[in-house]
């Protein structure tokens, strides 16, 4: 008996953004490796790439994510 069932049919109300096809899907149509989500609304899924860009910028500029210590070679 399998521990996890592979879900092949999506649930209504679950929205995903497919990175492979660059489209919004209701329910998971494509493999998990190729999608962002789930999102609560279609509009959220439509803005998935914009949200990802914004979050990446926040993380790149967050001092907690930089391990450089004082006096390291990285500082000028």
C-alpha atoms as a PDB file:
ATOM      1  CA  UNK A   1       0.000   0.000   0.000  1.00  0.00           C
ATOM      2  CA  UNK A   2       1.422   3.369  -1.005  1.00  0.00           C
ATOM      3  CA  UNK A   3       1.930   5.967   1.693  1.00  0.00           C
ATOM      4  CA  UNK A   4       1.137   8.832  -0.633  1.00  0.00           C
ATOM      5  CA  UNK A   5      -1.332   8.852  -3.458  1.00  0.00           C
ATOM      6  CA  UNK A   6      -0.333  10.726  -6.567  1.00  0.00           C
ATOM      7  CA  UNK A   7      -3.030  13.282  -7.147  1.00  0.00           C
ATOM      8  CA  UNK A   8      -3.794  13.512 -10.837  1.00  0.00           C
ATOM      9  CA  UNK A   9      -6.947  15.627 -10.645  1.00  0.00           C
ATOM     10  CA  UNK A  10      -6.949  19.116  -9.211  1.00  0.00           C
ATOM     11  CA  UNK A  11      -9.360  20.462  -6.651  1.00  0.00           C
ATOM     12  CA  UNK A  12     -11.657  23.299  -7.641  1.00  0.00           C
ATOM     13  CA  UNK A  13     -10.483  26.496  -5.971  1.00  0.00           C
ATOM     14  CA  UNK A  14      -6.773  25.578  -5.937  1.00  0.00           C
ATOM     15  CA  UNK A  15      -4.833  27.733  -8.380  1.00  0.00           C
ATOM     16  CA  UNK A  16      -1.298  27.168  -9.653  1.00  0.00           C
ATOM     17  CA  UNK A  17       1.083  28.907 -12.021  1.00  0.00           C
ATOM     18  CA  UNK A  18       2.837  26.528 -14.416  1.00  0.00           C
ATOM     19  CA  UNK A  19       6.436  27.564 -15.054  1.00  0.00           C
ATOM     20  CA  UNK A  20       6.721  25.266 -18.068  1.00  0.00           C
ATOM     21  CA  UNK A  21       3.632  26.488 -19.959  1.00  0.00           C
ATOM     22  CA  UNK A  22       3.524  29.977 -18.380  1.00  0.00           C
ATOM     23  CA  UNK A  23      -0.168  29.717 -17.602  1.00  0.00           C
ATOM     24  CA  UNK A  24      -2.553  29.557 -14.683  1.00  0.00           C
ATOM     25  CA  UNK A  25      -4.131  26.188 -13.876  1.00  0.00           C
ATOM     26  CA  UNK A  26      -7.034  25.305 -11.621  1.00  0.00           C
ATOM     27  CA  UNK A  27      -5.828  22.283  -9.730  1.00  0.00           C
ATOM     28  CA  UNK A  28      -2.422  20.738 -10.356  1.00  0.00           C
ATOM     29  CA  UNK A  29      -2.223  19.810 -14.023  1.00  0.00           C
ATOM     30  CA  UNK A  30       1.580  19.832 -14.338  1.00  0.00           C
ATOM     31  CA  UNK A  31       4.229  18.193 -12.115  1.00  0.00           C
ATOM     32  CA  UNK A  32       5.055  19.951  -8.836  1.00  0.00           C
ATOM     33  CA  UNK A  33       8.583  20.725 -10.058  1.00  0.00           C
ATOM     34  CA  UNK A  34       7.078  22.926 -12.780  1.00  0.00           C
ATOM     35  CA  UNK A  35       4.616  25.009 -10.783  1.00  0.00           C
ATOM     36  CA  UNK A  36       4.094  27.583  -8.042  1.00  0.00           C
ATOM     37  CA  UNK A  37       1.136  27.295  -5.709  1.00  0.00           C
ATOM     38  CA  UNK A  38      -1.421  26.584  -4.542  1.00  0.00           C
ATOM     39  CA  UNK A  39      -2.931  30.054  -4.468  1.00  0.00           C
ATOM     40  CA  UNK A  40      -6.354  30.926  -3.077  1.00  0.00           C
ATOM     41  CA  UNK A  41      -7.434  32.879  -6.156  1.00  0.00           C
ATOM     42  CA  UNK A  42      -6.795  32.939  -9.879  1.00  0.00           C
ATOM     43  CA  UNK A  43      -5.526  36.543  -9.571  1.00  0.00           C
ATOM     44  CA  UNK A  44      -2.851  35.496  -7.053  1.00  0.00           C
ATOM     45  CA  UNK A  45      -1.686  32.738  -9.404  1.00  0.00           C
ATOM     46  CA  UNK A  46      -1.594  35.183 -12.336  1.00  0.00           C
ATOM     47  CA  UNK A  47       0.836  37.363 -10.351  1.00  0.00           C
ATOM     48  CA  UNK A  48       3.035  34.455  -9.204  1.00  0.00           C
ATOM     49  CA  UNK A  49       6.132  35.554 -11.135  1.00  0.00           C
ATOM     50  CA  UNK A  50       5.804  39.147  -9.924  1.00  0.00           C
ATOM     51  CA  UNK A  51       5.444  37.935  -6.338  1.00  0.00           C
ATOM     52  CA  UNK A  52       8.528  35.725  -6.743  1.00  0.00           C
ATOM     53  CA  UNK A  53      10.589  38.645  -8.111  1.00  0.00           C
ATOM     54  CA  UNK A  54       9.529  40.862  -5.196  1.00  0.00           C
ATOM     55  CA  UNK A  55      10.389  38.193  -2.631  1.00  0.00           C
ATOM     56  CA  UNK A  56      13.760  37.514  -4.253  1.00  0.00           C
ATOM     57  CA  UNK A  57      14.626  41.218  -4.045  1.00  0.00           C
ATOM     58  CA  UNK A  58      13.598  41.312  -0.383  1.00  0.00           C
ATOM     59  CA  UNK A  59      15.768  38.285   0.398  1.00  0.00           C
ATOM     60  CA  UNK A  60      18.756  39.611  -1.556  1.00  0.00           C
ATOM     61  CA  UNK A  61      18.619  42.848   0.429  1.00  0.00           C
ATOM     62  CA  UNK A  62      17.938  41.252   3.822  1.00  0.00           C
ATOM     63  CA  UNK A  63      21.059  41.536   6.011  1.00  0.00           C
ATOM     64  CA  UNK A  64      20.100  38.343   7.886  1.00  0.00           C
ATOM     65  CA  UNK A  65      20.796  36.329   4.694  1.00  0.00           C
ATOM     66  CA  UNK A  66      24.352  37.597   4.296  1.00  0.00           C
ATOM     67  CA  UNK A  67      26.957  35.736   6.339  1.00  0.00           C
ATOM     68  CA  UNK A  68      29.805  38.192   5.772  1.00  0.00           C
ATOM     69  CA  UNK A  69      31.465  39.087   9.050  1.00  0.00           C
ATOM     70  CA  UNK A  70      33.389  42.245   9.880  1.00  0.00           C
ATOM     71  CA  UNK A  71      36.886  42.154   8.497  1.00  0.00           C
ATOM     72  CA  UNK A  72      36.121  39.539   5.854  1.00  0.00           C
ATOM     73  CA  UNK A  73      37.584  39.736   2.356  1.00  0.00           C
ATOM     74  CA  UNK A  74      34.162  40.608   0.934  1.00  0.00           C
ATOM     75  CA  UNK A  75      34.151  44.075   2.487  1.00  0.00           C
ATOM     76  CA  UNK A  76      35.849  46.995   0.753  1.00  0.00           C
END
